[in-house]
Amino acid sequence: MTKQAYGHIAHRQVQVNGVRLHVAEQGEGPLVLLLHGFPESWYSWRHQFAPLAEAGYRVVAVDQRGYARSEQPESVDAYTLLHLVGDVTALIGALGEESAVLVGHDWGAPVAWSTAALRPDLVRGVAGLSVPPLPTLGLPPLAQSRERFGEGFYQIYFQRPGVADAELGRDPHSTFRRMLSSGAGARPDGGGPRAWVIGEGQGLLSSVPEPEKLPDWLSEADIEAFVADYAEHGERAFTGGLNWYRNIDRNNELLAGLAGRPVEVPALYVAGDQDMVMALIPEEAMRGLLERLAPKLYRRVTLPGVGHWTQQESPAEVNAALLDFLGQLDG
């Protein structure tokens, strides 16, 4: 393992579960493992490192398989939820730890919830940002999404080999500007939360306009940091992350016997009231999911005016919620 200092954050590569993963870490103490979503990297947790480390925790953010500075396996079926859970469990051991608190955002949330459900012996607590625990462990079947949102739903669009890969990889700078701005709480069109649904004959990026001005929480330097993280994979920069979506139905087949399994460890759920996930899961259904699948839920936190990029848009509130939860775990 090689280490490289980056301010107060150290970076290194770790070999786990057959893949090379990049991790960023800061602090000493009980392990808090941060799991990003699509299309992000360890950098999406930049505001969480110092506050959690200063509170006495070892904070580690990983570029998950296929993303950013981590290795990108060639085979699509190397990105099932079982592979992703295996990466997390192996990483806890590779870091020399026996357990961790998992914090997952977007796609990282199903990985965190699933790891906690399947390996509660390794998970002291779990926090899901944006995405709640789901009966299928992973995302709902594509047929269900197609019925609700049609062929233009972004998860359906992502299934076409090479199409979204080429579109998103053509100009990563524009891709990050468009996607991060469009999913934010304060959008230029002033609309409420809505899912990405692509018009006929369009691509994802043509359905989310280039912003004239970035949201206040996002700078051009942040965009450049994400672009630099993804540079290693060239034209395939986004293929690894897209392959997660291409395993949605495979995940449901592999995990059918575990559908509905609850998370039996202490849990926290944090989401903005302008998150696109709120357009996918009605409030009554959300309450039911949390009650049924997270019976040890400590707290649900709703952040007013905050969109999908929870910990980036509202870092102070997210950090306060995490520190409160961690404090309860540690008594």
C-alpha atoms as a PDB file:
ATOM      1  CA  MET A   1       0.000   0.000   0.000  1.00  0.00           C
ATOM      2  CA  THR A   2       1.332   3.420  -0.899  1.00  0.00           C
ATOM      3  CA  LYS A   3       0.381   6.601   0.917  1.00  0.00           C
ATOM      4  CA  GLN A   4       0.412  10.159  -0.347  1.00  0.00           C
ATOM      5  CA  ALA A   5      -0.296  13.211   1.794  1.00  0.00           C
ATOM      6  CA  TYR A   6      -3.028  15.529   0.529  1.00  0.00           C
ATOM      7  CA  GLY A   7      -3.414  18.323   3.057  1.00  0.00           C
ATOM      8  CA  HIS A   8      -4.633  16.601   6.195  1.00  0.00           C
ATOM      9  CA  ILE A   9      -6.107  13.750   4.129  1.00  0.00           C
ATOM     10  CA  ALA A  10      -3.929  10.761   3.188  1.00  0.00           C
ATOM     11  CA  HIS A  11      -4.559   8.832  -0.039  1.00  0.00           C
ATOM     12  CA  ARG A  12      -3.606   5.250  -0.865  1.00  0.00           C
ATOM     13  CA  GLN A  13      -4.541   2.245  -2.964  1.00  0.00           C
ATOM     14  CA  VAL A  14      -5.813  -0.931  -1.291  1.00  0.00           C
ATOM     15  CA  GLN A  15      -6.298  -4.331  -2.954  1.00  0.00           C
ATOM     16  CA  VAL A  16      -9.553  -5.958  -1.802  1.00  0.00           C
ATOM     17  CA  ASN A  17     -11.936  -8.556  -3.221  1.00  0.00           C
ATOM     18  CA  GLY A  18      -9.940  -8.772  -6.452  1.00  0.00           C
ATOM     19  CA  VAL A  19      -9.928  -5.040  -7.249  1.00  0.00           C
ATOM     20  CA  ARG A  20      -7.705  -2.066  -6.481  1.00  0.00           C
ATOM     21  CA  LEU A  21      -9.581   0.634  -4.588  1.00  0.00           C
ATOM     22  CA  HIS A  22      -8.501   4.191  -3.857  1.00  0.00           C
ATOM     23  CA  VAL A  23      -9.178   5.413  -0.321  1.00  0.00           C
ATOM     24  CA  ALA A  24      -8.810   8.801   1.343  1.00  0.00           C
ATOM     25  CA  GLU A  25      -8.502   8.897   5.115  1.00  0.00           C
ATOM     26  CA  GLN A  26      -8.077  11.224   8.055  1.00  0.00           C
ATOM     27  CA  GLY A  27      -8.145  10.866  11.831  1.00  0.00           C
ATOM     28  CA  GLU A  28      -7.827   8.088  14.388  1.00  0.00           C
ATOM     29  CA  GLY A  29     -10.449   6.215  16.348  1.00  0.00           C
ATOM     30  CA  PRO A  30     -13.492   4.088  15.485  1.00  0.00           C
ATOM     31  CA  LEU A  31     -13.849   3.626  11.731  1.00  0.00           C
ATOM     32  CA  VAL A  32     -16.452   5.591   9.783  1.00  0.00           C
ATOM     33  CA  LEU A  33     -16.552   4.400   6.165  1.00  0.00           C
ATOM     34  CA  LEU A  34     -18.066   6.791   3.605  1.00  0.00           C
ATOM     35  CA  LEU A  35     -19.623   5.382   0.406  1.00  0.00           C
ATOM     36  CA  HIS A  36     -20.355   7.802  -2.453  1.00  0.00           C
ATOM     37  CA  GLY A  37     -22.973   7.615  -5.213  1.00  0.00           C
ATOM     38  CA  PHE A  38     -23.280   8.299  -8.948  1.00  0.00           C
ATOM     39  CA  PRO A  39     -21.534  10.176 -10.516  1.00  0.00           C
ATOM     40  CA  GLU A  40     -19.240  11.061  -7.628  1.00  0.00           C
ATOM     41  CA  SER A  41     -16.057  10.013  -5.828  1.00  0.00           C
ATOM     42  CA  TRP A  42     -14.401  10.272  -2.420  1.00  0.00           C
ATOM     43  CA  TYR A  43     -14.386  14.048  -3.018  1.00  0.00           C
ATOM     44  CA  SER A  44     -18.136  14.252  -2.427  1.00  0.00           C
ATOM     45  CA  TRP A  45     -17.301  13.768   1.286  1.00  0.00           C
ATOM     46  CA  ARG A  46     -14.780  16.631   1.413  1.00  0.00           C
ATOM     47  CA  HIS A  47     -16.805  18.513   4.042  1.00  0.00           C
ATOM     48  CA  GLN A  48     -17.109  15.509   6.368  1.00  0.00           C
ATOM     49  CA  PHE A  49     -13.442  14.609   6.904  1.00  0.00           C
ATOM     50  CA  ALA A  50     -12.286  17.293   9.317  1.00  0.00           C
ATOM     51  CA  PRO A  51     -15.400  17.504  11.553  1.00  0.00           C
ATOM     52  CA  LEU A  52     -15.603  13.736  12.045  1.00  0.00           C
ATOM     53  CA  ALA A  53     -11.828  13.317  12.466  1.00  0.00           C
ATOM     54  CA  GLU A  54     -11.695  16.133  15.008  1.00  0.00           C
ATOM     55  CA  ALA A  55     -14.467  14.395  16.946  1.00  0.00           C
ATOM     56  CA  GLY A  56     -12.262  11.322  17.350  1.00  0.00           C
ATOM     57  CA  TYR A  57     -13.086   9.106  14.389  1.00  0.00           C
ATOM     58  CA  ARG A  58     -11.051   7.465  11.660  1.00  0.00           C
ATOM     59  CA  VAL A  59     -12.744   8.723   8.505  1.00  0.00           C
ATOM     60  CA  VAL A  60     -12.232   6.761   5.286  1.00  0.00           C
ATOM     61  CA  ALA A  61     -13.894   7.577   1.960  1.00  0.00           C
ATOM     62  CA  VAL A  62     -13.458   5.057  -0.824  1.00  0.00           C
ATOM     63  CA  ASP A  63     -13.783   5.368  -4.588  1.00  0.00           C
ATOM     64  CA  GLN A  64     -15.999   2.343  -5.082  1.00  0.00           C
ATOM     65  CA  ARG A  65     -15.249  -0.228  -7.794  1.00  0.00           C
ATOM     66  CA  GLY A  66     -15.392   1.225 -11.274  1.00  0.00           C
ATOM     67  CA  TYR A  67     -15.249   4.828 -10.091  1.00  0.00           C
ATOM     68  CA  ALA A  68     -12.678   7.611 -10.227  1.00  0.00           C
ATOM     69  CA  ARG A  69      -9.218   6.510  -9.043  1.00  0.00           C
ATOM     70  CA  SER A  70     -10.236   2.901  -8.372  1.00  0.00           C
ATOM     71  CA  GLU A  71      -9.925  -0.047 -10.733  1.00  0.00           C
ATOM     72  CA  GLN A  72     -12.628  -0.603 -13.344  1.00  0.00           C
ATOM     73  CA  PRO A  73     -13.267  -4.307 -14.046  1.00  0.00           C
ATOM     74  CA  GLU A  74     -14.155  -5.004 -17.671  1.00  0.00           C
ATOM     75  CA  SER A  75     -17.092  -7.381 -17.184  1.00  0.00           C
ATOM     76  CA  VAL A  76     -20.526  -5.854 -16.563  1.00  0.00           C
ATOM     77  CA  ASP A  77     -21.442  -8.671 -14.193  1.00  0.00           C
ATOM     78  CA  ALA A  78     -18.503  -7.749 -11.923  1.00  0.00           C
ATOM     79  CA  TYR A  79     -20.653  -4.935 -10.485  1.00  0.00           C
ATOM     80  CA  THR A  80     -23.435  -6.801  -8.684  1.00  0.00           C
ATOM     81  CA  LEU A  81     -24.531  -5.706  -5.243  1.00  0.00           C
ATOM     82  CA  LEU A  82     -22.883  -8.832  -3.827  1.00  0.00           C
ATOM     83  CA  HIS A  83     -19.550  -7.649  -5.280  1.00  0.00           C
ATOM     84  CA  LEU A  84     -20.082  -4.194  -3.780  1.00  0.00           C
ATOM     85  CA  VAL A  85     -20.976  -5.555  -0.339  1.00  0.00           C
ATOM     86  CA  GLY A  86     -17.940  -7.828  -0.615  1.00  0.00           C
ATOM     87  CA  ASP A  87     -15.738  -4.814  -1.303  1.00  0.00           C
ATOM     88  CA  VAL A  88     -16.963  -3.078   1.844  1.00  0.00           C
ATOM     89  CA  THR A  89     -16.549  -6.094   4.094  1.00  0.00           C
ATOM     90  CA  ALA A  90     -13.074  -6.809   2.702  1.00  0.00           C
ATOM     91  CA  LEU A  91     -12.085  -3.152   3.026  1.00  0.00           C
ATOM     92  CA  ILE A  92     -12.970  -3.088   6.729  1.00  0.00           C
ATOM     93  CA  GLY A  93     -10.529  -5.946   7.260  1.00  0.00           C
ATOM     94  CA  ALA A  94      -7.870  -4.480   4.968  1.00  0.00           C
ATOM     95  CA  LEU A  95      -7.943  -1.307   7.037  1.00  0.00           C
ATOM     96  CA  GLY A  96      -7.120  -3.394  10.092  1.00  0.00           C
ATOM     97  CA  GLU A  97     -10.543  -2.947  11.676  1.00  0.00           C
ATOM     98  CA  GLU A  98     -13.137  -5.373  13.015  1.00  0.00           C
ATOM     99  CA  SER A  99     -16.174  -3.175  12.451  1.00  0.00           C
ATOM    100  CA  ALA A 100     -17.287   0.177  11.044  1.00  0.00           C
ATOM    101  CA  VAL A 101     -20.086   2.684  10.916  1.00  0.00           C
ATOM    102  CA  LEU A 102     -21.203   2.932   7.290  1.00  0.00           C
ATOM    103  CA  VAL A 103     -22.449   6.154   5.715  1.00  0.00           C
ATOM    104  CA  GLY A 104     -23.772   5.863   2.160  1.00  0.00           C
ATOM    105  CA  HIS A 105     -25.203   8.420  -0.245  1.00  0.00           C
ATOM    106  CA  ASP A 106     -27.196   7.741  -3.437  1.00  0.00           C
ATOM    107  CA  TRP A 107     -25.986   4.327  -4.755  1.00  0.00           C
ATOM    108  CA  GLY A 108     -23.685   4.175  -1.733  1.00  0.00           C
ATOM    109  CA  ALA A 109     -26.779   4.011   0.488  1.00  0.00           C
ATOM    110  CA  PRO A 110     -28.066   0.660  -0.867  1.00  0.00           C
ATOM    111  CA  VAL A 111     -24.518  -0.679  -0.488  1.00  0.00           C
ATOM    112  CA  ALA A 112     -24.432   0.535   3.120  1.00  0.00           C
ATOM    113  CA  TRP A 113     -27.939  -0.709   3.970  1.00  0.00           C
ATOM    114  CA  SER A 114     -27.276  -4.086   2.311  1.00  0.00           C
ATOM    115  CA  THR A 115     -23.941  -4.566   4.055  1.00  0.00           C
ATOM    116  CA  ALA A 116     -25.589  -3.792   7.387  1.00  0.00           C
ATOM    117  CA  ALA A 117     -28.449  -6.218   6.640  1.00  0.00           C
ATOM    118  CA  LEU A 118     -26.178  -9.050   5.494  1.00  0.00           C
ATOM    119  CA  ARG A 119     -23.191  -8.538   7.834  1.00  0.00           C
ATOM    120  CA  PRO A 120     -24.448  -6.919  11.057  1.00  0.00           C
ATOM    121  CA  ASP A 121     -21.439  -8.426  12.817  1.00  0.00           C
ATOM    122  CA  LEU A 122     -19.233  -5.933  10.954  1.00  0.00           C
ATOM    123  CA  VAL A 123     -21.482  -2.866  11.078  1.00  0.00           C
ATOM    124  CA  ARG A 124     -21.943  -0.909  14.318  1.00  0.00           C
ATOM    125  CA  GLY A 125     -24.394   1.478  12.717  1.00  0.00           C
ATOM    126  CA  VAL A 126     -25.520   2.683   9.302  1.00  0.00           C
ATOM    127  CA  ALA A 127     -26.532   6.068   7.927  1.00  0.00           C
ATOM    128  CA  GLY A 128     -28.313   6.362   4.589  1.00  0.00           C
ATOM    129  CA  LEU A 129     -28.328   9.707   2.796  1.00  0.00           C
ATOM    130  CA  SER A 130     -31.001  10.278   0.138  1.00  0.00           C
ATOM    131  CA  VAL A 131     -31.923   6.609  -0.472  1.00  0.00           C
ATOM    132  CA  PRO A 132     -33.758   4.684   2.288  1.00  0.00           C
ATOM    133  CA  PRO A 133     -33.529   0.923   2.862  1.00  0.00           C
ATOM    134  CA  LEU A 134     -35.411  -0.923   0.118  1.00  0.00           C
ATOM    135  CA  PRO A 135     -37.147  -4.332   0.171  1.00  0.00           C
ATOM    136  CA  THR A 136     -35.076  -5.467  -2.823  1.00  0.00           C
ATOM    137  CA  LEU A 137     -31.824  -4.403  -1.055  1.00  0.00           C
ATOM    138  CA  GLY A 138     -30.744  -2.895  -4.388  1.00  0.00           C
ATOM    139  CA  LEU A 139     -32.850  -0.713  -6.687  1.00  0.00           C
ATOM    140  CA  PRO A 140     -36.367  -1.779  -7.819  1.00  0.00           C
ATOM    141  CA  PRO A 141     -36.723  -3.982 -10.941  1.00  0.00           C
ATOM    142  CA  LEU A 142     -36.455  -2.192 -14.267  1.00  0.00           C
ATOM    143  CA  ALA A 143     -39.917  -3.383 -15.324  1.00  0.00           C
ATOM    144  CA  GLN A 144     -41.390  -1.549 -12.341  1.00  0.00           C
ATOM    145  CA  SER A 145     -39.482   1.648 -13.195  1.00  0.00           C
ATOM    146  CA  ARG A 146     -40.456   1.350 -16.875  1.00  0.00           C
ATOM    147  CA  GLU A 147     -44.129   1.028 -15.940  1.00  0.00           C
ATOM    148  CA  ARG A 148     -44.010   4.121 -13.706  1.00  0.00           C
ATOM    149  CA  PHE A 149     -41.789   6.444 -15.742  1.00  0.00           C
ATOM    150  CA  GLY A 150     -41.573   5.031 -19.268  1.00  0.00           C
ATOM    151  CA  GLU A 151     -38.627   4.281 -21.529  1.00  0.00           C
ATOM    152  CA  GLY A 152     -37.112   7.711 -20.853  1.00  0.00           C
ATOM    153  CA  PHE A 153     -36.396   6.991 -17.191  1.00  0.00           C
ATOM    154  CA  TYR A 154     -32.669   7.436 -16.705  1.00  0.00           C
ATOM    155  CA  GLN A 155     -32.128   3.948 -15.243  1.00  0.00           C
ATOM    156  CA  ILE A 156     -33.649   2.464 -18.426  1.00  0.00           C
ATOM    157  CA  TYR A 157     -31.549   4.750 -20.630  1.00  0.00           C
ATOM    158  CA  PHE A 158     -28.403   3.626 -18.819  1.00  0.00           C
ATOM    159  CA  GLN A 159     -28.998   0.008 -19.896  1.00  0.00           C
ATOM    160  CA  ARG A 160     -27.989   0.629 -23.518  1.00  0.00           C
ATOM    161  CA  PRO A 161     -24.346  -0.510 -23.915  1.00  0.00           C
ATOM    162  CA  GLY A 162     -21.965   2.311 -24.720  1.00  0.00           C
ATOM    163  CA  VAL A 163     -24.623   5.007 -25.201  1.00  0.00           C
ATOM    164  CA  ALA A 164     -24.611   6.861 -21.879  1.00  0.00           C
ATOM    165  CA  ASP A 165     -20.914   5.976 -21.546  1.00  0.00           C
ATOM    166  CA  ALA A 166     -20.063   7.977 -24.665  1.00  0.00           C
ATOM    167  CA  GLU A 167     -22.434  10.827 -23.844  1.00  0.00           C
ATOM    168  CA  LEU A 168     -21.207  11.384 -20.293  1.00  0.00           C
ATOM    169  CA  GLY A 169     -17.541  10.764 -21.147  1.00  0.00           C
ATOM    170  CA  ARG A 170     -17.399  13.189 -24.079  1.00  0.00           C
ATOM    171  CA  ASP A 171     -16.944  16.270 -21.869  1.00  0.00           C
ATOM    172  CA  PRO A 172     -16.710  15.324 -18.174  1.00  0.00           C
ATOM    173  CA  HIS A 173     -16.503  18.982 -17.140  1.00  0.00           C
ATOM    174  CA  SER A 174     -19.911  19.688 -18.690  1.00  0.00           C
ATOM    175  CA  THR A 175     -21.289  16.370 -17.408  1.00  0.00           C
ATOM    176  CA  PHE A 176     -20.516  17.208 -13.788  1.00  0.00           C
ATOM    177  CA  ARG A 177     -21.752  20.792 -14.144  1.00  0.00           C
ATOM    178  CA  ARG A 178     -25.071  19.660 -15.606  1.00  0.00           C
ATOM    179  CA  MET A 179     -25.758  16.633 -13.408  1.00  0.00           C
ATOM    180  CA  LEU A 180     -24.772  18.189 -10.094  1.00  0.00           C
ATOM    181  CA  SER A 181     -26.657  21.404 -10.834  1.00  0.00           C
ATOM    182  CA  SER A 182     -29.800  19.667 -12.082  1.00  0.00           C
ATOM    183  CA  GLY A 183     -30.106  17.466  -9.002  1.00  0.00           C
ATOM    184  CA  ALA A 184     -29.630  20.346  -6.558  1.00  0.00           C
ATOM    185  CA  GLY A 185     -32.310  21.769  -4.313  1.00  0.00           C
ATOM    186  CA  ALA A 186     -32.268  25.298  -5.725  1.00  0.00           C
ATOM    187  CA  ARG A 187     -32.665  24.808  -9.488  1.00  0.00           C
ATOM    188  CA  PRO A 188     -32.895  27.662 -11.988  1.00  0.00           C
ATOM    189  CA  ASP A 189     -36.409  26.595 -13.032  1.00  0.00           C
ATOM    190  CA  GLY A 190     -37.599  26.815  -9.425  1.00  0.00           C
ATOM    191  CA  GLY A 191     -39.342  23.444  -9.703  1.00  0.00           C
ATOM    192  CA  GLY A 192     -39.708  20.827  -6.994  1.00  0.00           C
ATOM    193  CA  PRO A 193     -38.020  17.431  -6.910  1.00  0.00           C
ATOM    194  CA  ARG A 194     -38.283  15.414 -10.103  1.00  0.00           C
ATOM    195  CA  ALA A 195     -36.704  12.272 -11.474  1.00  0.00           C
ATOM    196  CA  TRP A 196     -34.461  12.304 -14.521  1.00  0.00           C
ATOM    197  CA  VAL A 197     -36.761  11.386 -17.420  1.00  0.00           C
ATOM    198  CA  ILE A 198     -35.221  11.779 -20.875  1.00  0.00           C
ATOM    199  CA  GLY A 199     -37.225  12.982 -23.846  1.00  0.00           C
ATOM    200  CA  GLU A 200     -37.501  10.838 -26.957  1.00  0.00           C
ATOM    201  CA  GLY A 201     -34.425  11.201 -29.146  1.00  0.00           C
ATOM    202  CA  GLN A 202     -32.501  12.988 -26.399  1.00  0.00           C
ATOM    203  CA  GLY A 203     -29.650  12.021 -24.114  1.00  0.00           C
ATOM    204  CA  LEU A 204     -29.453  12.661 -20.397  1.00  0.00           C
ATOM    205  CA  LEU A 205     -27.313  15.779 -20.779  1.00  0.00           C
ATOM    206  CA  SER A 206     -29.553  17.369 -23.392  1.00  0.00           C
ATOM    207  CA  SER A 207     -32.428  17.014 -20.931  1.00  0.00           C
ATOM    208  CA  VAL A 208     -30.510  18.866 -18.182  1.00  0.00           C
ATOM    209  CA  PRO A 209     -29.278  22.261 -19.427  1.00  0.00           C
ATOM    210  CA  GLU A 210     -25.807  23.665 -18.888  1.00  0.00           C
ATOM    211  CA  PRO A 211     -26.170  26.024 -15.897  1.00  0.00           C
ATOM    212  CA  GLU A 212     -25.312  29.683 -16.366  1.00  0.00           C
ATOM    213  CA  LYS A 213     -24.131  29.711 -12.744  1.00  0.00           C
ATOM    214  CA  LEU A 214     -23.215  26.896 -10.405  1.00  0.00           C
ATOM    215  CA  PRO A 215     -25.151  26.480  -7.140  1.00  0.00           C
ATOM    216  CA  ASP A 216     -23.610  28.271  -4.154  1.00  0.00           C
ATOM    217  CA  TRP A 217     -22.391  24.997  -2.641  1.00  0.00           C
ATOM    218  CA  LEU A 218     -20.491  23.972  -5.801  1.00  0.00           C
ATOM    219  CA  SER A 219     -17.440  25.736  -7.251  1.00  0.00           C
ATOM    220  CA  GLU A 220     -15.505  25.416 -10.491  1.00  0.00           C
ATOM    221  CA  ALA A 221     -12.638  24.039  -8.388  1.00  0.00           C
ATOM    222  CA  ASP A 222     -14.978  21.280  -7.162  1.00  0.00           C
ATOM    223  CA  ILE A 223     -15.911  20.435 -10.753  1.00  0.00           C
ATOM    224  CA  GLU A 224     -12.233  20.250 -11.689  1.00  0.00           C
ATOM    225  CA  ALA A 225     -11.563  17.940  -8.721  1.00  0.00           C
ATOM    226  CA  PHE A 226     -14.226  15.487  -9.916  1.00  0.00           C
ATOM    227  CA  VAL A 227     -12.928  15.675 -13.505  1.00  0.00           C
ATOM    228  CA  ALA A 228      -9.371  14.965 -12.307  1.00  0.00           C
ATOM    229  CA  ASP A 229     -10.573  11.969 -10.268  1.00  0.00           C
ATOM    230  CA  TYR A 230     -12.209  10.459 -13.362  1.00  0.00           C
ATOM    231  CA  ALA A 231      -9.370  11.213 -15.800  1.00  0.00           C
ATOM    232  CA  GLU A 232      -7.658   7.832 -15.362  1.00  0.00           C
ATOM    233  CA  HIS A 233     -10.357   5.975 -17.318  1.00  0.00           C
ATOM    234  CA  GLY A 234     -10.501   8.273 -20.360  1.00  0.00           C
ATOM    235  CA  GLU A 235     -13.521   7.698 -22.608  1.00  0.00           C
ATOM    236  CA  ARG A 236     -14.736   4.994 -20.196  1.00  0.00           C
ATOM    237  CA  ALA A 237     -14.738   7.410 -17.271  1.00  0.00           C
ATOM    238  CA  PHE A 238     -18.371   6.704 -16.385  1.00  0.00           C
ATOM    239  CA  THR A 239     -18.657   3.081 -17.557  1.00  0.00           C
ATOM    240  CA  GLY A 240     -17.901   1.579 -14.145  1.00  0.00           C
ATOM    241  CA  GLY A 241     -20.653   3.545 -12.440  1.00  0.00           C
ATOM    242  CA  LEU A 242     -23.122   2.854 -15.263  1.00  0.00           C
ATOM    243  CA  ASN A 243     -22.427  -0.859 -14.884  1.00  0.00           C
ATOM    244  CA  TRP A 244     -23.937  -0.685 -11.401  1.00  0.00           C
ATOM    245  CA  TYR A 245     -27.263   0.220 -13.057  1.00  0.00           C
ATOM    246  CA  ARG A 246     -26.818  -2.583 -15.590  1.00  0.00           C
ATOM    247  CA  ASN A 247     -26.978  -5.076 -12.718  1.00  0.00           C
ATOM    248  CA  ILE A 248     -30.286  -3.902 -11.227  1.00  0.00           C
ATOM    249  CA  ASP A 249     -32.271  -6.911 -12.442  1.00  0.00           C
ATOM    250  CA  ARG A 250     -29.383  -9.306 -11.812  1.00  0.00           C
ATOM    251  CA  ASN A 251     -29.240  -8.041  -8.213  1.00  0.00           C
ATOM    252  CA  ASN A 252     -32.940  -8.762  -7.751  1.00  0.00           C
ATOM    253  CA  GLU A 253     -32.439 -12.309  -9.025  1.00  0.00           C
ATOM    254  CA  LEU A 254     -29.382 -12.972  -6.877  1.00  0.00           C
ATOM    255  CA  LEU A 255     -30.926 -11.518  -3.727  1.00  0.00           C
ATOM    256  CA  ALA A 256     -34.514 -12.723  -4.176  1.00  0.00           C
ATOM    257  CA  GLY A 257     -34.220 -14.964  -1.138  1.00  0.00           C
ATOM    258  CA  LEU A 258     -33.228 -12.012   1.030  1.00  0.00           C
ATOM    259  CA  ALA A 259     -35.908  -9.574  -0.140  1.00  0.00           C
ATOM    260  CA  GLY A 260     -37.478  -7.719   2.758  1.00  0.00           C
ATOM    261  CA  ARG A 261     -34.617  -8.472   5.142  1.00  0.00           C
ATOM    262  CA  PRO A 262     -34.504  -5.675   7.764  1.00  0.00           C
ATOM    263  CA  VAL A 263     -31.419  -3.800   8.940  1.00  0.00           C
ATOM    264  CA  GLU A 264     -30.949  -4.913  12.536  1.00  0.00           C
ATOM    265  CA  VAL A 265     -28.369  -2.316  13.579  1.00  0.00           C
ATOM    266  CA  PRO A 266     -28.858   1.298  14.721  1.00  0.00           C
ATOM    267  CA  ALA A 267     -29.668   3.504  11.735  1.00  0.00           C
ATOM    268  CA  LEU A 268     -29.972   7.102  10.620  1.00  0.00           C
ATOM    269  CA  TYR A 269     -31.730   8.459   7.529  1.00  0.00           C
ATOM    270  CA  VAL A 270     -31.036  11.941   6.130  1.00  0.00           C
ATOM    271  CA  ALA A 271     -32.534  13.478   2.985  1.00  0.00           C
ATOM    272  CA  GLY A 272     -33.445  16.843   1.530  1.00  0.00           C
ATOM    273  CA  ASP A 273     -37.078  17.669   0.891  1.00  0.00           C
ATOM    274  CA  GLN A 274     -36.136  18.639  -2.692  1.00  0.00           C
ATOM    275  CA  ASP A 275     -34.345  15.357  -3.405  1.00  0.00           C
ATOM    276  CA  MET A 276     -35.388  13.600  -6.617  1.00  0.00           C
ATOM    277  CA  VAL A 277     -35.822  10.447  -4.515  1.00  0.00           C
ATOM    278  CA  MET A 278     -38.821  12.183  -2.942  1.00  0.00           C
ATOM    279  CA  ALA A 279     -40.402  12.135  -6.427  1.00  0.00           C
ATOM    280  CA  LEU A 280     -39.798   8.376  -6.633  1.00  0.00           C
ATOM    281  CA  ILE A 281     -41.014   7.349  -3.153  1.00  0.00           C
ATOM    282  CA  PRO A 282     -44.200   8.970  -1.764  1.00  0.00           C
ATOM    283  CA  GLU A 283     -44.077  10.038   1.883  1.00  0.00           C
ATOM    284  CA  GLU A 284     -46.407   7.321   3.125  1.00  0.00           C
ATOM    285  CA  ALA A 285     -44.317   4.654   1.415  1.00  0.00           C
ATOM    286  CA  MET A 286     -41.133   6.233   2.801  1.00  0.00           C
ATOM    287  CA  ARG A 287     -42.449   6.023   6.359  1.00  0.00           C
ATOM    288  CA  GLY A 288     -43.428   2.411   5.806  1.00  0.00           C
ATOM    289  CA  LEU A 289     -39.989   1.474   4.470  1.00  0.00           C
ATOM    290  CA  LEU A 290     -38.198   3.030   7.427  1.00  0.00           C
ATOM    291  CA  GLU A 291     -40.534   1.461   9.981  1.00  0.00           C
ATOM    292  CA  ARG A 292     -40.378  -1.995   8.436  1.00  0.00           C
ATOM    293  CA  LEU A 293     -36.787  -2.212   7.219  1.00  0.00           C
ATOM    294  CA  ALA A 294     -34.960  -0.057   9.794  1.00  0.00           C
ATOM    295  CA  PRO A 295     -36.556  -1.102  13.110  1.00  0.00           C
ATOM    296  CA  LYS A 296     -33.663   0.427  15.065  1.00  0.00           C
ATOM    297  CA  LEU A 297     -33.906   3.796  13.323  1.00  0.00           C
ATOM    298  CA  TYR A 298     -32.495   6.385  15.688  1.00  0.00           C
ATOM    299  CA  ARG A 299     -33.653   9.424  13.760  1.00  0.00           C
ATOM    300  CA  ARG A 300     -34.937  10.655  10.422  1.00  0.00           C
ATOM    301  CA  VAL A 301     -33.638  14.073   9.381  1.00  0.00           C
ATOM    302  CA  THR A 302     -35.303  16.092   6.596  1.00  0.00           C
ATOM    303  CA  LEU A 303     -33.323  19.054   5.276  1.00  0.00           C
ATOM    304  CA  PRO A 304     -35.478  21.876   3.867  1.00  0.00           C
ATOM    305  CA  GLY A 305     -34.506  23.199   0.455  1.00  0.00           C
ATOM    306  CA  VAL A 306     -31.833  20.537  -0.049  1.00  0.00           C
ATOM    307  CA  GLY A 307     -31.725  18.409  -3.202  1.00  0.00           C
ATOM    308  CA  HIS A 308     -30.053  15.131  -4.054  1.00  0.00           C
ATOM    309  CA  TRP A 309     -26.413  15.932  -3.232  1.00  0.00           C
ATOM    310  CA  THR A 310     -27.102  15.833   0.503  1.00  0.00           C
ATOM    311  CA  GLN A 311     -23.689  16.067   2.169  1.00  0.00           C
ATOM    312  CA  GLN A 312     -22.373  18.554  -0.388  1.00  0.00           C
ATOM    313  CA  GLU A 313     -25.379  20.868  -0.319  1.00  0.00           C
ATOM    314  CA  SER A 314     -25.873  20.937   3.440  1.00  0.00           C
ATOM    315  CA  PRO A 315     -22.600  19.871   5.081  1.00  0.00           C
ATOM    316  CA  ALA A 316     -23.100  21.531   8.470  1.00  0.00           C
ATOM    317  CA  GLU A 317     -26.498  19.910   9.010  1.00  0.00           C
ATOM    318  CA  VAL A 318     -25.335  16.520   7.754  1.00  0.00           C
ATOM    319  CA  ASN A 319     -22.245  16.637   9.965  1.00  0.00           C
ATOM    320  CA  ALA A 320     -24.346  17.553  12.998  1.00  0.00           C
ATOM    321  CA  ALA A 321     -26.707  14.644  12.333  1.00  0.00           C
ATOM    322  CA  LEU A 322     -23.811  12.208  11.850  1.00  0.00           C
ATOM    323  CA  LEU A 323     -21.997  13.353  14.988  1.00  0.00           C
ATOM    324  CA  ASP A 324     -25.196  13.089  17.025  1.00  0.00           C
ATOM    325  CA  PHE A 325     -25.739   9.547  15.713  1.00  0.00           C
ATOM    326  CA  LEU A 326     -22.125   8.534  16.318  1.00  0.00           C
ATOM    327  CA  GLY A 327     -22.322   9.949  19.824  1.00  0.00           C
ATOM    328  CA  GLN A 328     -25.355   7.774  20.554  1.00  0.00           C
ATOM    329  CA  LEU A 329     -23.555   4.688  19.260  1.00  0.00           C
ATOM    330  CA  ASP A 330     -20.543   5.394  21.449  1.00  0.00           C
ATOM    331  CA  GLY A 331     -22.601   6.212  24.501  1.00  0.00           C
END
